């Protein structure tokens, strides 16, 4: 659903919620637009945060992999030296 249709639907829901009171078209539209735009902004923030977490997790996984590899190399070296 496009943004205009979402706002239109939300405005109509407000109209019904307010007892189908006439003369509040603009107020209902503005309130609906604020709510829909806020919902979209929140979704964008969540998506951005999820992407950042995914990137950070990837970086941490790479560092952990490197640390494990270095530990294994160190242990093999120690075994060869007779420790």
PDB file of N, CA and C in Angstrom:
ATOM      1  N   UNK A   1       0.861  -1.174   0.000  1.00  0.00           N
ATOM      2  CA  UNK A   1       0.000   0.000   0.000  1.00  0.00           C
ATOM      3  C   UNK A   1       0.905   1.233   0.000  1.00  0.00           C
ATOM      4  N   UNK A   2       0.552   2.203  -0.818  1.00  0.00           N
ATOM      5  CA  UNK A   2       1.393   3.397  -0.845  1.00  0.00           C
ATOM      6  C   UNK A   2       1.050   4.327   0.324  1.00  0.00           C
ATOM      7  N   UNK A   3       1.904   5.284   0.533  1.00  0.00           N
ATOM      8  CA  UNK A   3       1.783   6.184   1.681  1.00  0.00           C
ATOM      9  C   UNK A   3       0.443   6.920   1.691  1.00  0.00           C
ATOM     10  N   UNK A   4       0.038   7.424   0.536  1.00  0.00           N
ATOM     11  CA  UNK A   4      -1.224   8.175   0.448  1.00  0.00           C
ATOM     12  C   UNK A   4      -2.405   7.296   0.871  1.00  0.00           C
ATOM     13  N   UNK A   5      -2.422   6.072   0.393  1.00  0.00           N
ATOM     14  CA  UNK A   5      -3.520   5.156   0.730  1.00  0.00           C
ATOM     15  C   UNK A   5      -3.516   4.814   2.220  1.00  0.00           C
ATOM     16  N   UNK A   6      -2.319   4.653   2.796  1.00  0.00           N
ATOM     17  CA  UNK A   6      -2.233   4.367   4.238  1.00  0.00           C
ATOM     18  C   UNK A   6      -2.796   5.528   5.050  1.00  0.00           C
ATOM     19  N   UNK A   7      -2.437   6.745   4.648  1.00  0.00           N
ATOM     20  CA  UNK A   7      -2.934   7.931   5.362  1.00  0.00           C
ATOM     21  C   UNK A   7      -4.443   8.030   5.207  1.00  0.00           C
ATOM     22  N   UNK A   8      -4.913   7.806   3.990  1.00  0.00           N
ATOM     23  CA  UNK A   8      -6.359   7.862   3.721  1.00  0.00           C
ATOM     24  C   UNK A   8      -7.112   6.863   4.600  1.00  0.00           C
ATOM     25  N   UNK A   9      -6.597   5.649   4.683  1.00  0.00           N
ATOM     26  CA  UNK A   9      -7.232   4.614   5.500  1.00  0.00           C
ATOM     27  C   UNK A   9      -7.228   5.003   6.980  1.00  0.00           C
ATOM     28  N   UNK A  10      -6.078   5.497   7.459  1.00  0.00           N
ATOM     29  CA  UNK A  10      -5.965   5.900   8.862  1.00  0.00           C
ATOM     30  C   UNK A  10      -6.894   7.078   9.175  1.00  0.00           C
ATOM     31  N   UNK A  11      -7.006   8.021   8.245  1.00  0.00           N
ATOM     32  CA  UNK A  11      -7.894   9.173   8.443  1.00  0.00           C
ATOM     33  C   UNK A  11      -9.349   8.716   8.521  1.00  0.00           C
ATOM     34  N   UNK A  12      -9.708   7.767   7.675  1.00  0.00           N
ATOM     35  CA  UNK A  12     -11.083   7.249   7.702  1.00  0.00           C
ATOM     36  C   UNK A  12     -11.343   6.511   9.015  1.00  0.00           C
ATOM     37  N   UNK A  13     -10.352   5.774   9.488  1.00  0.00           N
ATOM     38  CA  UNK A  13     -10.506   5.086  10.776  1.00  0.00           C
ATOM     39  C   UNK A  13     -10.706   6.094  11.909  1.00  0.00           C
ATOM     40  N   UNK A  14      -9.991   7.200  11.852  1.00  0.00           N
ATOM     41  CA  UNK A  14     -10.186   8.259  12.855  1.00  0.00           C
ATOM     42  C   UNK A  14     -11.599   8.840  12.748  1.00  0.00           C
ATOM     43  N   UNK A  15     -12.047   9.055  11.529  1.00  0.00           N
ATOM     44  CA  UNK A  15     -13.400   9.567  11.290  1.00  0.00           C
ATOM     45  C   UNK A  15     -14.428   8.640  11.935  1.00  0.00           C
ATOM     46  N   UNK A  16     -14.264   7.340  11.723  1.00  0.00           N
ATOM     47  CA  UNK A  16     -15.196   6.378  12.320  1.00  0.00           C
ATOM     48  C   UNK A  16     -15.061   6.326  13.838  1.00  0.00           C
ATOM     49  N   UNK A  17     -13.817   6.368  14.303  1.00  0.00           N
ATOM     50  CA  UNK A  17     -13.554   6.321  15.753  1.00  0.00           C
ATOM     51  C   UNK A  17     -14.201   7.510  16.462  1.00  0.00           C
ATOM     52  N   UNK A  18     -14.232   8.643  15.796  1.00  0.00           N
ATOM     53  CA  UNK A  18     -14.799   9.867  16.382  1.00  0.00           C
ATOM     54  C   UNK A  18     -16.297   9.996  16.098  1.00  0.00           C
ATOM     55  N   UNK A  19     -16.941   8.873  15.836  1.00  0.00           N
ATOM     56  CA  UNK A  19     -18.389   8.888  15.663  1.00  0.00           C
ATOM     57  C   UNK A  19     -18.853   9.475  14.351  1.00  0.00           C
ATOM     58  N   UNK A  20     -18.000   9.425  13.331  1.00  0.00           N
ATOM     59  CA  UNK A  20     -18.321   9.946  11.997  1.00  0.00           C
ATOM     60  C   UNK A  20     -18.704  11.427  12.037  1.00  0.00           C
ATOM     61  N   UNK A  21     -18.062  12.147  12.934  1.00  0.00           N
ATOM     62  CA  UNK A  21     -18.331  13.576  13.070  1.00  0.00           C
ATOM     63  C   UNK A  21     -17.800  14.317  11.844  1.00  0.00           C
ATOM     64  N   UNK A  22     -18.636  15.105  11.241  1.00  0.00           N
ATOM     65  CA  UNK A  22     -18.251  15.856  10.048  1.00  0.00           C
ATOM     66  C   UNK A  22     -17.432  17.089  10.399  1.00  0.00           C
ATOM     67  N   UNK A  23     -16.801  17.648   9.397  1.00  0.00           N
ATOM     68  CA  UNK A  23     -16.064  18.895   9.595  1.00  0.00           C
ATOM     69  C   UNK A  23     -14.672  18.733  10.165  1.00  0.00           C
ATOM     70  N   UNK A  24     -14.229  17.496  10.343  1.00  0.00           N
ATOM     71  CA  UNK A  24     -12.902  17.267  10.910  1.00  0.00           C
ATOM     72  C   UNK A  24     -11.979  16.585   9.900  1.00  0.00           C
ATOM     73  N   UNK A  25     -12.298  16.719   8.640  1.00  0.00           N
ATOM     74  CA  UNK A  25     -11.524  16.038   7.595  1.00  0.00           C
ATOM     75  C   UNK A  25     -10.041  16.375   7.677  1.00  0.00           C
ATOM     76  N   UNK A  26      -9.747  17.651   7.731  1.00  0.00           N
ATOM     77  CA  UNK A  26      -8.351  18.091   7.745  1.00  0.00           C
ATOM     78  C   UNK A  26      -7.639  17.633   9.012  1.00  0.00           C
ATOM     79  N   UNK A  27      -8.302  17.774  10.163  1.00  0.00           N
ATOM     80  CA  UNK A  27      -7.694  17.337  11.425  1.00  0.00           C
ATOM     81  C   UNK A  27      -7.418  15.835  11.405  1.00  0.00           C
ATOM     82  N   UNK A  28      -8.393  15.051  10.923  1.00  0.00           N
ATOM     83  CA  UNK A  28      -8.207  13.602  10.833  1.00  0.00           C
ATOM     84  C   UNK A  28      -7.049  13.271   9.898  1.00  0.00           C
ATOM     85  N   UNK A  29      -6.986  13.974   8.778  1.00  0.00           N
ATOM     86  CA  UNK A  29      -5.927  13.716   7.796  1.00  0.00           C
ATOM     87  C   UNK A  29      -4.551  14.016   8.403  1.00  0.00           C
ATOM     88  N   UNK A  30      -4.432  15.160   9.057  1.00  0.00           N
ATOM     89  CA  UNK A  30      -3.144  15.560   9.647  1.00  0.00           C
ATOM     90  C   UNK A  30      -2.723  14.575  10.738  1.00  0.00           C
ATOM     91  N   UNK A  31      -3.656  14.195  11.583  1.00  0.00           N
ATOM     92  CA  UNK A  31      -3.343  13.235  12.651  1.00  0.00           C
ATOM     93  C   UNK A  31      -2.938  11.887  12.056  1.00  0.00           C
ATOM     94  N   UNK A  32      -3.666  11.442  11.044  1.00  0.00           N
ATOM     95  CA  UNK A  32      -3.350  10.176  10.387  1.00  0.00           C
ATOM     96  C   UNK A  32      -1.985  10.248   9.709  1.00  0.00           C
ATOM     97  N   UNK A  33      -1.702  11.356   9.050  1.00  0.00           N
ATOM     98  CA  UNK A  33      -0.413  11.511   8.367  1.00  0.00           C
ATOM     99  C   UNK A  33       0.743  11.456   9.362  1.00  0.00           C
ATOM    100  N   UNK A  34       0.593  12.129  10.482  1.00  0.00           N
ATOM    101  CA  UNK A  34       1.642  12.083  11.513  1.00  0.00           C
ATOM    102  C   UNK A  34       1.875  10.652  11.988  1.00  0.00           C
ATOM    103  N   UNK A  35       0.782   9.931  12.246  1.00  0.00           N
ATOM    104  CA  UNK A  35       0.902   8.561  12.754  1.00  0.00           C
ATOM    105  C   UNK A  35       1.546   7.643  11.722  1.00  0.00           C
ATOM    106  N   UNK A  36       1.126   7.755  10.472  1.00  0.00           N
ATOM    107  CA  UNK A  36       1.666   6.883   9.429  1.00  0.00           C
ATOM    108  C   UNK A  36       3.135   7.205   9.176  1.00  0.00           C
ATOM    109  N   UNK A  37       3.463   8.489   9.096  1.00  0.00           N
ATOM    110  CA  UNK A  37       4.867   8.870   8.869  1.00  0.00           C
ATOM    111  C   UNK A  37       5.747   8.449  10.044  1.00  0.00           C
ATOM    112  N   UNK A  38       5.236   8.539  11.261  1.00  0.00           N
ATOM    113  CA  UNK A  38       6.001   8.105  12.436  1.00  0.00           C
ATOM    114  C   UNK A  38       6.238   6.597  12.381  1.00  0.00           C
ATOM    115  N   UNK A  39       5.216   5.855  11.971  1.00  0.00           N
ATOM    116  CA  UNK A  39       5.347   4.400  11.857  1.00  0.00           C
ATOM    117  C   UNK A  39       6.400   4.034  10.811  1.00  0.00           C
ATOM    118  N   UNK A  40       6.379   4.752   9.684  1.00  0.00           N
ATOM    119  CA  UNK A  40       7.373   4.500   8.635  1.00  0.00           C
ATOM    120  C   UNK A  40       8.784   4.854   9.109  1.00  0.00           C
ATOM    121  N   UNK A  41       8.911   5.974   9.818  1.00  0.00           N
ATOM    122  CA  UNK A  41      10.222   6.383  10.334  1.00  0.00           C
ATOM    123  C   UNK A  41      10.753   5.346  11.323  1.00  0.00           C
ATOM    124  N   UNK A  42       9.866   4.829  12.158  1.00  0.00           N
ATOM    125  CA  UNK A  42      10.269   3.809  13.139  1.00  0.00           C
ATOM    126  C   UNK A  42      10.745   2.549  12.424  1.00  0.00           C
ATOM    127  N   UNK A  43      10.028   2.149  11.374  1.00  0.00           N
ATOM    128  CA  UNK A  43      10.434   0.967  10.612  1.00  0.00           C
ATOM    129  C   UNK A  43      11.810   1.176   9.989  1.00  0.00           C
ATOM    130  N   UNK A  44      12.054   2.369   9.474  1.00  0.00           N
ATOM    131  CA  UNK A  44      13.359   2.664   8.882  1.00  0.00           C
ATOM    132  C   UNK A  44      14.463   2.612   9.929  1.00  0.00           C
ATOM    133  N   UNK A  45      14.195   3.165  11.110  1.00  0.00           N
ATOM    134  CA  UNK A  45      15.187   3.128  12.187  1.00  0.00           C
ATOM    135  C   UNK A  45      15.490   1.693  12.605  1.00  0.00           C
ATOM    136  N   UNK A  46      14.455   0.881  12.722  1.00  0.00           N
ATOM    137  CA  UNK A  46      14.638  -0.513  13.108  1.00  0.00           C
ATOM    138  C   UNK A  46      15.454  -1.251  12.048  1.00  0.00           C
ATOM    139  N   UNK A  47      15.137  -1.001  10.780  1.00  0.00           N
ATOM    140  CA  UNK A  47      15.874  -1.658   9.695  1.00  0.00           C
ATOM    141  C   UNK A  47      17.337  -1.236   9.701  1.00  0.00           C
ATOM    142  N   UNK A  48      17.586   0.051   9.914  1.00  0.00           N
ATOM    143  CA  UNK A  48      18.962   0.552   9.970  1.00  0.00           C
ATOM    144  C   UNK A  48      19.710  -0.052  11.151  1.00  0.00           C
ATOM    145  N   UNK A  49      19.061  -0.104  12.301  1.00  0.00           N
ATOM    146  CA  UNK A  49      19.694  -0.681  13.491  1.00  0.00           C
ATOM    147  C   UNK A  49      19.994  -2.164  13.274  1.00  0.00           C
ATOM    148  N   UNK A  50      19.067  -2.874  12.654  1.00  0.00           N
ATOM    149  CA  UNK A  50      19.283  -4.301  12.389  1.00  0.00           C
ATOM    150  C   UNK A  50      20.473  -4.503  11.469  1.00  0.00           C
ATOM    151  N   UNK A  51      20.585  -3.650  10.474  1.00  0.00           N
ATOM    152  CA  UNK A  51      21.715  -3.749   9.543  1.00  0.00           C
ATOM    153  C   UNK A  51      23.038  -3.479  10.272  1.00  0.00           C
ATOM    154  N   UNK A  52      23.040  -2.483  11.155  1.00  0.00           N
ATOM    155  CA  UNK A  52      24.246  -2.162  11.914  1.00  0.00           C
ATOM    156  C   UNK A  52      24.624  -3.306  12.848  1.00  0.00           C
ATOM    157  N   UNK A  53      23.642  -3.919  13.476  1.00  0.00           N
ATOM    158  CA  UNK A  53      23.910  -5.056  14.367  1.00  0.00           C
ATOM    159  C   UNK A  53      24.483  -6.219  13.562  1.00  0.00           C
ATOM    160  N   UNK A  54      23.905  -6.453  12.396  1.00  0.00           N
ATOM    161  CA  UNK A  54      24.393  -7.532  11.533  1.00  0.00           C
ATOM    162  C   UNK A  54      25.851  -7.289  11.128  1.00  0.00           C
ATOM    163  N   UNK A  55      26.168  -6.055  10.769  1.00  0.00           N
ATOM    164  CA  UNK A  55      27.544  -5.723  10.392  1.00  0.00           C
ATOM    165  C   UNK A  55      28.494  -5.890  11.580  1.00  0.00           C
ATOM    166  N   UNK A  56      28.070  -5.431  12.747  1.00  0.00           N
ATOM    167  CA  UNK A  56      28.903  -5.558  13.945  1.00  0.00           C
ATOM    168  C   UNK A  56      29.115  -7.024  14.306  1.00  0.00           C
ATOM    169  N   UNK A  57      28.057  -7.812  14.174  1.00  0.00           N
ATOM    170  CA  UNK A  57      28.176  -9.237  14.479  1.00  0.00           C
ATOM    171  C   UNK A  57      29.162  -9.903  13.528  1.00  0.00           C
ATOM    172  N   UNK A  58      29.122  -9.506  12.275  1.00  0.00           N
ATOM    173  CA  UNK A  58      30.065 -10.051  11.298  1.00  0.00           C
ATOM    174  C   UNK A  58      31.493  -9.710  11.656  1.00  0.00           C
ATOM    175  N   UNK A  59      31.714  -8.466  12.075  1.00  0.00           N
ATOM    176  CA  UNK A  59      33.055  -8.034  12.452  1.00  0.00           C
ATOM    177  C   UNK A  59      33.538  -8.800  13.687  1.00  0.00           C
ATOM    178  N   UNK A  60      32.657  -8.982  14.658  1.00  0.00           N
ATOM    179  CA  UNK A  60      33.013  -9.724  15.869  1.00  0.00           C
ATOM    180  C   UNK A  60      33.329 -11.177  15.522  1.00  0.00           C
ATOM    181  N   UNK A  61      32.539 -11.765  14.644  1.00  0.00           N
ATOM    182  CA  UNK A  61      32.775 -13.150  14.237  1.00  0.00           C
ATOM    183  C   UNK A  61      34.137 -13.290  13.561  1.00  0.00           C
ATOM    184  N   UNK A  62      34.485 -12.327  12.718  1.00  0.00           N
ATOM    185  CA  UNK A  62      35.790 -12.363  12.049  1.00  0.00           C
ATOM    186  C   UNK A  62      36.926 -12.268  13.067  1.00  0.00           C
ATOM    187  N   UNK A  63      36.782 -11.385  14.048  1.00  0.00           N
ATOM    188  CA  UNK A  63      37.818 -11.235  15.080  1.00  0.00           C
ATOM    189  C   UNK A  63      37.931 -12.512  15.911  1.00  0.00           C
ATOM    190  N   UNK A  64      36.789 -13.110  16.237  1.00  0.00           N
ATOM    191  CA  UNK A  64      36.803 -14.348  17.022  1.00  0.00           C
ATOM    192  C   UNK A  64      37.475 -15.471  16.237  1.00  0.00           C
ATOM    193  N   UNK A  65      37.170 -15.561  14.957  1.00  0.00           N
ATOM    194  CA  UNK A  65      37.781 -16.569  14.097  1.00  0.00           C
ATOM    195  C   UNK A  65      39.295 -16.405  14.068  1.00  0.00           C
ATOM    196  N   UNK A  66      39.737 -15.161  13.941  1.00  0.00           N
ATOM    197  CA  UNK A  66      41.170 -14.866  13.905  1.00  0.00           C
ATOM    198  C   UNK A  66      41.833 -15.253  15.232  1.00  0.00           C
ATOM    199  N   UNK A  67      41.157 -14.917  16.340  1.00  0.00           N
ATOM    200  CA  UNK A  67      41.707 -15.232  17.657  1.00  0.00           C
ATOM    201  C   UNK A  67      41.814 -16.745  17.857  1.00  0.00           C
ATOM    202  N   UNK A  68      40.809 -17.479  17.427  1.00  0.00           N
ATOM    203  CA  UNK A  68      40.840 -18.937  17.552  1.00  0.00           C
ATOM    204  C   UNK A  68      41.979 -19.499  16.713  1.00  0.00           C
ATOM    205  N   UNK A  69      42.124 -19.002  15.503  1.00  0.00           N
ATOM    206  CA  UNK A  69      43.190 -19.472  14.618  1.00  0.00           C
ATOM    207  C   UNK A  69      44.565 -19.221  15.250  1.00  0.00           C
ATOM    208  N   UNK A  70      44.737 -18.008  15.800  1.00  0.00           N
ATOM    209  CA  UNK A  70      46.014 -17.680  16.440  1.00  0.00           C
ATOM    210  C   UNK A  70      46.261 -18.574  17.655  1.00  0.00           C
ATOM    211  N   UNK A  71      45.225 -18.882  18.404  1.00  0.00           N
ATOM    212  CA  UNK A  71      45.356 -19.760  19.569  1.00  0.00           C
ATOM    213  C   UNK A  71      45.754 -21.168  19.147  1.00  0.00           C
ATOM    214  N   UNK A  72      45.126 -21.661  18.102  1.00  0.00           N
ATOM    215  CA  UNK A  72      45.446 -23.002  17.600  1.00  0.00           C
ATOM    216  C   UNK A  72      46.894 -23.046  17.137  1.00  0.00           C
ATOM    217  N   UNK A  73      47.333 -22.024  16.413  1.00  0.00           N
ATOM    218  CA  UNK A  73      48.718 -21.963  15.950  1.00  0.00           C
ATOM    219  C   UNK A  73      49.670 -21.940  17.136  1.00  0.00           C
ATOM    220  N   UNK A  74      49.324 -21.170  18.149  1.00  0.00           N
ATOM    221  CA  UNK A  74      50.150 -21.093  19.355  1.00  0.00           C
ATOM    222  C   UNK A  74      50.220 -22.422  20.083  1.00  0.00           C
ATOM    223  N   UNK A  75      49.099 -23.101  20.177  1.00  0.00           N
ATOM    224  CA  UNK A  75      49.077 -24.404  20.847  1.00  0.00           C
ATOM    225  C   UNK A  75      49.885 -25.442  20.072  1.00  0.00           C
ATOM    226  N   UNK A  76      49.754 -25.433  18.770  1.00  0.00           N
ATOM    227  CA  UNK A  76      50.531 -26.378  17.948  1.00  0.00           C
ATOM    228  C   UNK A  76      52.019 -26.122  18.126  1.00  0.00           C
ATOM    229  N   UNK A  77      52.388 -24.858  18.172  1.00  0.00           N
ATOM    230  CA  UNK A  77      53.785 -24.491  18.356  1.00  0.00           C
ATOM    231  C   UNK A  77      54.295 -24.964  19.713  1.00  0.00           C
ATOM    232  N   UNK A  78      53.457 -24.787  20.735  1.00  0.00           N
ATOM    233  CA  UNK A  78      53.829 -25.205  22.079  1.00  0.00           C
ATOM    234  C   UNK A  78      54.006 -26.728  22.146  1.00  0.00           C
ATOM    235  N   UNK A  79      53.110 -27.445  21.474  1.00  0.00           N
ATOM    236  CA  UNK A  79      53.215 -28.918  21.460  1.00  0.00           C
ATOM    237  C   UNK A  79      54.503 -29.341  20.783  1.00  0.00           C
ATOM    238  N   UNK A  80      54.847 -28.698  19.698  1.00  0.00           N
ATOM    239  CA  UNK A  80      56.082 -29.040  18.985  1.00  0.00           C
ATOM    240  C   UNK A  80      57.321 -28.804  19.852  1.00  0.00           C
ATOM    241  N   UNK A  81      57.232 -27.776  20.690  1.00  0.00           N
ATOM    242  CA  UNK A  81      58.372 -27.466  21.559  1.00  0.00           C
ATOM    243  C   UNK A  81      58.397 -28.343  22.802  1.00  0.00           C
ATOM    244  N   UNK A  82      57.368 -29.140  22.994  1.00  0.00           N
ATOM    245  CA  UNK A  82      57.362 -30.085  24.114  1.00  0.00           C
ATOM    246  C   UNK A  82      56.717 -29.548  25.384  1.00  0.00           C
ATOM    247  N   UNK A  83      55.882 -28.564  25.318  1.00  0.00           N
ATOM    248  CA  UNK A  83      55.214 -28.047  26.518  1.00  0.00           C
ATOM    249  C   UNK A  83      54.019 -28.836  26.846  1.00  0.00           C
TER     250      UNK A  83
END
